[in-house]
Protein backbone atom coordinates (compact mmCIF):
# COMPACT_ATOMS: atom_id res chain seq x y z
CA MET A 1 96.94 104.53 122.73
CA SER A 2 97.94 105.40 126.16
CA LEU A 3 101.60 105.22 125.39
CA LYS A 4 103.45 106.37 128.86
CA VAL A 5 101.31 104.51 131.41
CA ASP A 6 101.50 101.71 129.51
CA PHE A 7 104.91 101.24 128.74
CA ASN A 8 105.79 102.00 132.84
CA LEU A 9 102.79 99.77 134.37
CA LYS A 10 103.73 97.04 131.41
CA LEU A 11 100.38 97.02 130.87
CA LYS A 12 100.44 96.75 126.85
CA PHE A 13 101.08 94.00 124.44
CA SER A 14 104.65 93.96 124.51
CA LYS A 15 104.26 92.53 127.89
CA ILE A 16 101.98 89.79 127.53
CA LYS A 17 102.79 86.19 128.51
CA ILE A 18 100.43 83.69 127.79
CA GLN A 19 99.88 81.18 131.00
CA ASN A 20 96.68 79.34 131.45
CA GLN A 21 94.46 80.99 134.23
CA LYS A 22 92.32 78.55 136.47
CA LEU A 23 88.68 80.31 135.62
CA VAL A 24 85.26 78.71 136.64
CA THR A 25 82.62 77.04 134.54
CA GLY A 26 80.13 79.61 132.85
CA TYR A 27 78.34 81.06 136.33
CA ASN A 28 78.66 77.60 137.69
CA MET A 29 81.91 77.41 140.14
CA SER A 30 81.79 73.48 140.62
CA ASP A 31 85.34 73.81 141.08
CA LYS A 32 85.10 76.11 144.05
CA SER A 33 86.99 75.77 146.73
CA ASP A 34 85.58 74.79 150.30
CA ASN A 35 87.82 76.45 152.32
CA ILE A 36 86.62 79.91 150.73
CA LYS A 37 84.61 81.28 153.83
CA GLU A 38 82.00 83.47 153.68
CA GLN A 39 82.20 86.97 154.91
CA LYS A 40 79.54 88.23 157.18
CA SER A 41 80.19 92.06 156.30
CA ILE A 42 81.96 94.61 154.53
CA PRO A 43 83.87 97.62 155.53
CA ALA A 44 81.71 100.34 154.68
CA SER A 45 82.83 104.04 155.76
CA LYS A 46 85.74 105.46 154.85
CA VAL A 47 87.19 105.07 158.03
CA GLN A 48 86.53 101.36 158.13
CA ARG A 49 88.54 100.82 154.90
CA ALA A 50 91.43 102.76 155.20
CA SER A 51 91.90 101.38 158.68
CA ARG A 52 92.54 97.98 156.75
CA PHE A 53 94.70 99.25 154.40
CA VAL A 54 96.70 100.88 156.88
CA SER A 55 96.72 97.20 158.99
CA THR A 56 97.92 95.66 155.95
CA GLY A 57 100.67 98.27 155.41
CA VAL A 58 101.78 97.03 158.98
CA LYS A 59 101.87 93.64 158.09
CA VAL A 60 103.80 94.11 154.59
CA GLY A 61 106.11 96.27 156.98
CA ARG A 62 106.71 93.23 159.48
CA ASN A 63 107.35 90.88 156.45
CA TYR A 64 110.27 93.08 155.11
CA VAL A 65 111.73 93.06 158.50
CA LYS A 66 111.40 89.33 159.25
CA HIS A 67 113.03 89.45 155.41
CA TYR A 68 115.91 91.16 155.70
CA ALA A 69 116.60 89.71 159.46
CA LYS A 70 117.18 86.56 157.72
CA LYS A 71 119.13 87.81 154.93
CA ALA A 72 121.59 88.99 157.28
CA PHE A 73 122.67 85.40 157.96
CA ASP A 74 121.37 84.14 154.60
CA PRO A 75 122.71 86.69 151.76
CA SER A 76 122.10 84.35 149.49
CA LEU A 77 118.33 84.53 150.17
CA SER A 78 115.20 85.50 147.65
CA LYS A 79 112.83 87.49 147.47
CA ASP A 80 109.87 84.59 146.42
CA SER A 81 109.20 83.81 150.78
CA LEU A 82 108.38 87.79 151.02
CA HIS A 83 106.70 88.31 148.01
CA GLU A 84 104.25 85.52 148.66
CA ASN A 85 103.71 86.45 152.32
CA ASN A 86 102.94 90.21 151.26
CA ALA A 87 100.79 88.87 148.27
CA LYS A 88 98.72 86.86 150.92
CA ASP A 89 98.45 89.32 153.39
CA ILE A 90 97.41 92.21 150.54
CA TYR A 91 94.82 89.52 148.60
CA ASN A 92 93.43 89.31 151.86
CA SER A 93 92.94 92.83 152.75
CA LEU A 94 91.19 93.48 149.66
CA SER A 95 89.31 90.95 149.07
CA GLU A 96 87.56 91.63 152.46
CA LEU A 97 87.07 94.92 150.87
CA LYS A 98 85.96 93.79 147.69
CA GLY A 99 85.04 96.82 144.79
CA SER A 100 87.57 99.09 143.21
CA ALA A 101 90.38 97.64 145.24
CA LEU A 102 90.44 94.45 144.25
CA LYS A 103 88.96 95.10 140.62
CA VAL A 104 92.31 96.65 140.31
CA ALA A 105 94.31 93.82 141.54
CA GLN A 106 92.27 91.64 139.27
CA MET A 107 93.33 93.65 136.19
CA MET A 108 96.77 93.93 137.46
CA SER A 109 96.66 89.62 137.51
CA MET A 110 95.89 90.18 134.21
CA ASP A 111 99.09 90.62 132.89
CA LYS A 112 101.93 88.40 134.80
CA ASN A 113 104.59 90.20 133.82
CA LEU A 114 103.34 93.27 135.71
CA LEU A 115 103.73 92.38 139.15
CA PRO A 116 105.92 88.80 140.60
CA SER A 117 104.23 85.79 140.09
CA ALA A 118 103.19 85.68 144.06
CA TYR A 119 101.38 88.47 143.27
CA SER A 120 99.70 87.79 139.91
CA ASP A 121 98.55 84.16 141.25
CA LYS A 122 97.59 85.60 143.76
CA PHE A 123 95.35 88.75 142.55
CA GLN A 124 94.27 86.30 139.77
CA MET A 125 91.80 84.81 142.24
CA ALA A 126 89.94 88.16 142.29
CA GLN A 127 88.21 86.68 139.01
CA TYR A 128 86.70 84.03 140.23
CA SER A 129 86.79 83.03 143.82
CA ALA A 130 87.21 86.11 146.59
CA PRO A 131 85.48 85.08 149.61
CA PRO A 132 81.59 85.69 149.26
CA LEU A 133 79.22 87.08 151.67
CA SER A 134 76.78 85.52 153.17
CA PHE A 135 73.57 84.73 152.60
CA PRO A 136 71.60 87.10 154.94
CA LEU A 137 73.19 90.19 153.05
CA VAL A 138 72.27 88.94 150.12
CA VAL A 139 68.83 88.66 151.46
CA ARG A 140 69.15 92.21 152.67
CA THR A 141 70.38 94.05 149.16
CA PHE A 142 67.66 91.98 147.66
CA LYS A 143 64.73 93.62 150.17
CA GLN A 144 66.12 96.97 149.63
CA GLN A 145 66.57 96.61 145.70
CA LEU A 146 63.47 94.88 145.13
CA GLY A 147 61.57 94.71 147.82
CA VAL A 148 61.33 90.90 148.68
CA SER A 149 63.79 88.51 149.29
CA PRO A 150 65.18 85.87 146.25
CA THR A 151 63.36 82.95 147.86
CA GLU A 152 60.09 84.70 147.34
CA MET A 153 61.16 85.99 143.76
CA PHE A 154 62.42 83.18 142.65
CA ASP A 155 61.15 79.17 142.64
CA THR A 156 64.70 78.56 143.96
CA PHE A 157 67.82 80.19 144.58
CA THR A 158 70.92 78.81 145.81
CA LYS A 159 72.03 80.21 149.26
CA GLU A 160 75.76 79.93 148.41
CA ALA A 161 77.33 82.02 145.64
CA VAL A 162 78.51 79.82 142.52
CA ASN A 163 80.88 82.74 141.79
CA ALA A 164 82.54 85.67 143.70
CA ALA A 165 84.45 88.74 142.14
CA SER A 166 85.37 91.83 142.82
CA ILE A 167 82.16 94.02 142.21
CA GLY A 168 79.72 91.25 143.28
CA GLN A 169 78.75 87.55 143.14
CA VAL A 170 76.36 84.97 141.22
CA HIS A 171 73.79 82.54 142.68
CA LYS A 172 71.70 80.42 140.35
CA ALA A 173 68.01 80.75 140.60
CA THR A 174 65.28 78.82 138.65
CA LYS A 175 61.29 80.10 138.18
CA ASP A 176 58.86 78.65 136.27
CA GLY A 177 61.44 75.60 134.44
CA LYS A 178 64.05 78.62 133.38
CA THR A 179 67.14 78.94 134.87
CA PHE A 180 68.76 82.15 136.02
CA ALA A 181 72.23 83.85 137.02
CA VAL A 182 71.87 86.26 139.39
CA LYS A 183 74.66 88.98 140.04
CA VAL A 184 74.14 90.64 143.57
CA GLN A 185 76.57 93.46 143.97
CA TYR A 186 78.34 93.95 147.43
CA PRO A 187 77.16 96.59 149.92
CA GLY A 188 79.22 99.42 149.98
CA VAL A 189 81.18 98.98 146.68
CA ALA A 190 79.44 101.79 144.61
CA GLU A 191 79.95 104.45 146.96
CA SER A 192 83.92 103.51 148.01
CA VAL A 193 85.04 104.16 144.39
CA SER A 194 86.53 107.15 145.00
CA SER A 195 87.76 106.65 148.17
CA ASP A 196 89.54 103.58 147.45
CA LEU A 197 91.53 104.55 144.46
CA LYS A 198 92.52 107.17 146.55
CA ILE A 199 93.72 104.52 149.33
CA VAL A 200 95.14 102.58 146.24
CA LYS A 201 97.20 105.03 144.44
CA PRO A 202 100.31 104.91 147.09
CA PHE A 203 100.51 101.10 146.46
CA ALA A 204 100.24 101.82 142.47
CA VAL A 205 103.32 104.34 143.12
CA ASN A 206 105.31 102.64 145.39
CA LEU A 207 104.81 98.65 144.57
CA LEU A 208 105.16 99.44 140.63
CA GLY A 209 107.60 102.40 140.89
CA LEU A 210 104.86 104.46 138.91
CA ASN A 211 104.95 108.63 137.97
CA GLU A 212 102.38 109.77 140.09
CA LYS A 213 101.71 112.46 138.03
CA ASP A 214 100.71 109.66 135.48
CA VAL A 215 99.11 107.65 138.19
CA ASN A 216 96.38 110.69 138.91
CA TYR A 217 96.05 111.47 134.81
CA TYR A 218 94.84 107.76 134.43
CA MET A 219 93.32 107.36 137.34
CA GLN A 220 90.15 109.36 136.10
CA GLU A 221 88.90 107.26 133.33
CA VAL A 222 89.69 103.98 135.63
CA GLU A 223 87.19 105.85 138.66
CA SER A 224 84.85 106.71 136.02
CA MET A 225 84.76 102.87 134.26
CA LEU A 226 84.37 101.48 137.96
CA LEU A 227 81.73 103.52 138.91
CA SER A 228 79.38 102.31 135.51
CA GLU A 229 80.77 98.76 136.61
CA THR A 230 78.55 99.22 139.56
CA ASP A 231 75.45 100.39 137.79
CA TYR A 232 73.37 97.11 137.10
CA GLU A 233 70.92 98.99 135.69
CA LEU A 234 73.27 100.65 133.11
CA GLU A 235 75.16 97.30 132.61
CA LEU A 236 70.75 95.61 131.77
CA LYS A 237 70.95 98.69 129.21
CA ARG A 238 73.88 98.37 127.67
CA SER A 239 73.43 94.24 127.61
CA VAL A 240 70.29 94.55 125.64
CA GLN A 241 71.61 96.85 123.05
CA ILE A 242 74.97 95.48 122.24
CA THR A 243 73.74 91.49 122.38
CA GLU A 244 70.81 92.76 120.41
CA ALA A 245 73.01 94.52 117.60
CA CYS A 246 75.54 91.96 117.81
CA THR A 247 73.33 88.50 117.02
CA HIS A 248 73.93 88.33 113.60
CA ILE A 249 77.57 87.27 114.36
CA GLU A 250 78.34 83.73 113.50
CA ASN A 251 78.41 80.94 116.09
CA VAL A 252 78.12 84.06 119.11
CA TYR A 253 75.12 83.79 121.22
CA PHE A 254 74.15 85.86 125.14
CA PRO A 255 72.42 85.54 127.43
CA LYS A 256 68.69 87.21 127.73
CA TYR A 257 68.25 89.68 130.21
CA TYR A 258 65.69 90.35 132.82
CA PRO A 259 64.48 93.26 134.35
CA GLU A 260 61.67 92.49 136.20
CA PHE A 261 63.93 90.71 138.52
CA SER A 262 66.60 93.39 138.09
CA ALA A 263 67.41 96.61 140.07
CA LYS A 264 70.64 98.93 140.08
CA LYS A 265 72.35 96.35 142.49
CA VAL A 266 70.87 93.03 141.10
CA LEU A 267 70.82 91.71 137.53
CA THR A 268 69.17 88.73 136.24
CA MET A 269 70.14 86.95 133.06
CA ASP A 270 69.70 83.88 131.63
CA TRP A 271 72.48 80.83 132.98
CA LEU A 272 74.80 79.52 130.18
CA GLU A 273 76.02 76.25 129.96
CA GLY A 274 79.85 75.72 128.45
CA LEU A 275 83.23 75.98 129.42
CA HIS A 276 85.87 78.76 130.39
CA LEU A 277 89.11 78.35 127.73
CA ASP A 278 91.34 76.29 130.22
CA GLN A 279 88.85 73.93 130.90
CA PHE A 280 87.55 73.94 127.21
CA MET A 281 91.39 73.51 126.15
CA LYS A 282 91.32 70.20 128.18
CA THR A 283 88.82 68.86 125.68
CA ASN A 284 91.45 68.87 122.95
CA PRO A 285 89.37 70.55 120.77
CA SER A 286 90.31 70.56 116.90
CA GLN A 287 91.98 73.26 115.30
CA GLU A 288 88.77 73.79 113.00
CA VAL A 289 86.63 74.61 116.23
CA ARG A 290 89.70 76.53 117.89
CA ASN A 291 89.72 78.71 114.69
CA LYS A 292 86.02 78.82 114.92
CA ILE A 293 85.74 80.35 118.14
CA GLY A 294 88.48 82.58 117.35
CA GLN A 295 87.10 84.02 114.20
CA SER A 296 83.63 84.69 116.02
CA LEU A 297 85.11 86.32 119.03
CA TRP A 298 87.54 88.49 116.72
CA ASP A 299 84.34 89.48 115.05
CA PHE A 300 82.18 90.68 118.12
CA TYR A 301 84.90 92.88 118.82
CA ASP A 302 85.39 94.08 115.50
CA TYR A 303 81.83 94.69 115.01
CA GLN A 304 81.78 96.60 118.31
CA ILE A 305 84.22 98.63 117.44
CA HIS A 306 84.24 99.65 113.77
CA ASN A 307 79.76 99.67 113.98
CA LEU A 308 78.78 100.37 117.52
CA ARG A 309 81.72 102.50 118.51
CA GLU A 310 82.00 101.01 122.07
CA VAL A 311 83.13 97.81 123.23
CA HIS A 312 82.98 95.00 126.02
CA ALA A 313 86.35 96.15 127.58
CA ASP A 314 86.56 93.58 129.81
CA PRO A 315 88.13 90.43 127.72
CA HIS A 316 89.54 87.87 130.55
CA PRO A 317 88.58 84.36 129.88
CA GLY A 318 86.16 84.25 132.49
CA ASN A 319 83.63 86.59 130.44
CA PHE A 320 83.54 83.69 127.62
CA ILE A 321 81.61 80.05 127.46
CA MET A 322 82.84 77.79 124.79
CA ASN A 323 81.46 74.81 123.29
CA ASP A 324 82.44 71.88 121.53
CA ASN A 325 80.62 72.70 118.45
CA GLY A 326 82.71 76.03 118.17
CA ARG A 327 79.86 78.73 119.69
CA LEU A 328 81.32 81.29 121.73
CA GLY A 329 78.64 82.59 124.93
CA ILE A 330 79.44 85.91 126.07
CA ILE A 331 78.63 87.22 129.22
CA ASP A 332 79.17 90.45 131.73
CA PHE A 333 78.21 94.08 130.05
CA GLY A 334 79.56 95.92 133.41
CA CYS A 335 83.09 97.07 131.64
CA VAL A 336 81.98 98.92 128.52
CA LYS A 337 83.97 101.55 126.71
CA VAL A 338 82.30 104.15 124.79
CA ILE A 339 84.87 105.23 121.77
CA PRO A 340 85.01 109.28 121.19
CA GLU A 341 85.29 109.68 117.65
CA GLU A 342 87.85 112.36 117.78
CA TYR A 343 89.89 109.48 119.44
CA TYR A 344 88.69 106.44 117.00
CA GLU A 345 90.03 108.15 114.19
CA PRO A 346 93.67 109.10 115.01
CA TYR A 347 94.15 105.38 116.37
CA PHE A 348 92.68 103.07 114.03
CA GLU A 349 94.60 105.13 111.10
CA LEU A 350 98.01 104.62 113.17
CA LEU A 351 97.00 100.57 112.53
CA ASP A 352 97.31 100.59 108.92
CA SER A 353 100.97 99.76 108.24
CA ARG A 354 101.23 102.06 105.53
CA ILE A 355 101.20 105.04 107.68
CA LEU A 356 104.55 104.13 109.66
CA GLN A 357 106.94 105.15 106.24
CA HIS A 358 104.70 108.53 105.63
CA GLU A 359 106.40 111.26 108.37
CA GLU A 360 104.32 113.99 107.01
CA ARG A 361 100.60 112.27 108.07
CA LEU A 362 102.62 110.14 110.60
CA GLU A 363 103.64 112.72 113.02
CA PRO A 364 100.19 114.84 113.33
CA VAL A 365 98.47 111.92 114.37
CA PHE A 366 101.14 111.69 117.32
CA TYR A 367 100.49 115.21 117.88
CA GLN A 368 97.23 114.90 117.76
CA LEU A 369 97.47 111.34 120.29
CA GLY A 370 99.61 112.95 123.03
CA PHE A 371 102.30 110.88 122.10
CA LEU A 372 104.81 113.73 121.33
CA PHE A 373 104.47 117.64 122.54
CA LYS A 374 105.34 120.58 121.13
CA ASP A 375 108.07 120.83 123.39
CA ASP A 376 109.88 117.66 123.38
CA THR A 377 113.71 117.95 122.45
CA PRO A 378 114.83 116.63 118.89
CA GLU A 379 116.90 114.23 120.92
CA ASP A 380 113.28 113.08 123.06
CA LYS A 381 111.49 112.97 119.57
CA VAL A 382 113.31 110.80 117.87
CA GLU A 383 113.69 108.28 120.71
CA LEU A 384 110.19 108.65 120.98
CA LYS A 385 109.06 108.06 117.50
CA LYS A 386 111.18 105.24 116.77
CA ALA A 387 109.86 103.07 120.16
CA PHE A 388 106.09 104.21 119.30
CA LYS A 389 106.33 103.34 116.17
CA THR A 390 107.55 99.64 116.39
CA MET A 391 104.92 99.08 119.38
CA ILE A 392 102.01 100.36 116.65
CA GLU A 393 103.89 98.16 114.12
CA LEU A 394 103.43 94.99 116.50
CA LEU A 395 100.35 95.68 117.91
CA GLY A 396 98.58 96.47 114.06
CA ARG A 397 100.51 93.64 112.46
CA PRO A 398 97.19 91.47 113.01
CA PHE A 399 95.27 94.01 111.14
CA ASN A 400 97.53 94.00 107.76
CA SER A 401 97.01 90.59 106.59
CA GLU A 402 94.39 88.82 105.41
CA LYS A 403 94.63 85.67 108.18
CA PHE A 404 96.98 85.40 111.31
CA ASP A 405 98.04 83.29 113.35
CA PHE A 406 97.88 83.75 116.99
CA GLY A 407 99.49 80.47 117.86
CA ASP A 408 102.81 81.80 116.48
CA GLU A 409 104.86 81.62 119.76
CA SER A 410 107.46 84.03 117.86
CA TYR A 411 105.20 87.04 117.50
CA PHE A 412 104.36 87.22 121.34
CA GLN A 413 108.43 86.51 121.73
CA GLU A 414 109.08 89.69 119.37
CA ILE A 415 106.78 91.63 121.81
CA PHE A 416 108.15 90.36 125.25
CA ALA A 417 111.13 91.51 123.75
CA PHE A 418 110.24 95.09 123.12
CA GLY A 419 108.43 95.51 125.94
CA GLU A 420 111.97 94.47 127.82
CA GLU A 421 113.77 96.99 125.64
CA SER A 422 111.03 99.94 126.46
CA SER A 423 111.17 99.46 129.72
CA LYS A 424 115.37 100.91 129.24
CA ILE A 425 113.99 104.13 126.79
CA LYS A 426 115.27 107.44 128.29
CA ALA A 427 112.86 109.54 127.44
CA LEU A 428 110.11 107.67 128.37
CA LYS A 429 111.42 106.93 131.88
CA ASP A 430 112.24 111.25 132.34
CA SER A 431 109.15 112.17 130.52
CA LYS A 432 106.66 114.58 133.15
CA LYS A 433 103.94 114.27 131.45
CA PRO A 434 101.84 111.26 130.58
CA ARG A 435 102.23 110.03 126.87
CA GLY A 436 98.75 108.93 125.00
CA SER A 437 94.93 109.67 125.87
CA ARG A 438 93.64 108.07 128.50
CA HIS A 439 91.13 106.66 126.39
CA GLY A 440 93.52 104.31 125.36
CA LEU A 441 93.67 102.62 128.51
CA TYR A 442 90.66 100.14 128.09
CA ILE A 443 90.89 100.25 124.09
CA ASN A 444 94.55 98.61 124.54
CA ARG A 445 93.34 96.46 127.37
CA THR A 446 90.56 95.00 125.63
CA TYR A 447 93.51 94.28 122.66
CA PHE A 448 95.60 92.72 125.00
CA GLY A 449 92.97 90.57 126.55
CA LEU A 450 91.70 89.54 122.57
CA TYR A 451 95.07 88.64 121.66
CA SER A 452 95.87 86.68 124.66
CA ILE A 453 92.88 84.48 124.38
CA LEU A 454 93.34 83.93 120.74
CA ASN A 455 97.20 83.16 121.60
CA GLN A 456 95.41 80.46 124.44
CA LEU A 457 93.19 78.79 121.68
CA LYS A 458 96.30 78.95 118.74
CA ALA A 459 93.30 80.04 116.83
CA GLU A 460 94.66 80.92 112.98
CA ILE A 461 91.42 83.63 111.73
CA LYS A 462 90.87 85.81 109.26
CA THR A 463 91.49 89.62 110.73
CA HIS A 464 91.20 91.61 107.68
CA SER A 465 88.31 94.54 108.43
CA THR A 466 86.21 96.16 106.61
CA TRP A 467 87.48 99.78 108.68
CA PHE A 468 90.63 98.86 106.79
CA ASP A 469 89.11 99.21 103.33
CA ALA A 470 87.71 102.92 104.60
CA LEU A 471 90.39 104.29 105.19
CA GLU A 472 92.43 107.06 103.42
CA PRO A 473 94.93 105.66 100.75
CA VAL A 474 98.32 106.11 101.34
CA SER A 475 100.54 108.01 98.55
C-alpha cells in the first residue's frame, strides 16, 4: 500500500464514488462520434512536445484571467466554466500528444473525486475515444514493424480505428474466415515516456496540490509500468502466460494471441464480441447473472495475485466484456504488476482483520511497509496508526467474510467519509516522507478498480480466499 500518496492523491478506495462510465462495445467502437477527427501526425521530439505543453499553459493562464475579470463584476461566479475551459484545453493537448501524458489523464479519470468533474469527465474520454491516427501512419508503422502493409497481411482491415486510447488504437481485421483485433501503437510513444512524465510532474504538483517529493518517489513506478505498456512483445508474452494459467477459472474466457501477426508495436488477437459494463447493465441482467460475472472477476484477480504473484493491473471497465449468459471476456494485459515476495507477505498479512488488534505484530509490519518510521514523533505515530488501521479494515473487509455484497452502498459511503476525514490528518499532511511502498500504487489501483466494477454490477459474491487460510494464526 502506498498510503501517503493514496491519501494525498485520493487515488484510493476511500475516494471511490461510483459513477457509470460511457464505454465501447468490446473492441467494436460502434458508438464512436463522427466528430472525432483523425490525426495526421504526432509531435515526436522533446522540443515539440514541451512546446505543446507550454502553449496549453498559456491557454489555461488566459482562462484564469478571463475568469477573474468576470468575477470582479460578479463575485458569486463559480469556477465551473473555468474548469470546463481548462479541461477542454488540457485534454485537447494531451490527446494530440498521446502516450504517457494521456495515460496519466486516463488513470486520474477513474477516480471521480480526484479532480473537479469537468476534468474527470473530459479525461475519461482517454479510455475510449481519443482522436485516432490517420491510416497512412498506421500503414507506416506496419511496414516498419512487420515489413508489409496491413492490407497485405489481412484479407480486410478497417482504415478507421474502432477504438483509440492513450498508447495505441485498435483496428478490426479478417483473414481466412477469422476476425481479429489489431492494436497499433502510436509513433514515438515509447521514446517519450520519460520526458513526458517530467513535463507532467508540475501539472500534478500544482493542479492537484501534491507534495513534489511524493510525486518523484512514485513517478519511478509509473514510468516503469508505462514503459512496459509500450512493449507489445512483452504484452504478448504476458498475455499468453496469464491466460493459459487462468483458463480453469469458471466462466472466464480470453482471446487467442498471434505472434505471427505481431511485433514490438503491433499486437494481434481474436476479436471478442460482447458488452462493456454500462451497456451490459442497460440490458437489465438478472441478479444471478451479475453475481456470476462478479464471482468470475473476483476469482480471476484472486488467482493471479495469490498464485501467479502478478496481476492484470488495469481494471477499468473497458478491459472486460460481458455476455448475457454470465461469461466474462478479459483483454489487454499491457499493464501487469509483478508482486515482489517481500511486499506480498506483509501487505496481505495486514488484510487479516485479526492482526489489527495485536500491536506486537502490527507495528513491525507498518515499519516494514514504510507506513511508519523510527523518527516519527509519538504523537504522529498514534495519529498515523489510527488512520492506517481504519483504512486497512475498510479495504480488507470483503476478505474477512465468506460472502460480501458489493451493492451495499453504506460500505462505499463509509469509504467516502473516511477519505474526507483522511485529508485533514495533520501527520499525513505534514509528513516529509512518502508513506508506503511504491509497489502499492498499482496493487491498490487494482483493488480500487475491482471494487468499483463489482459495485456497479451490484454483485454479491464469495470473497473467502485460500491465502487467508494459509496465514499464521493470530493468538
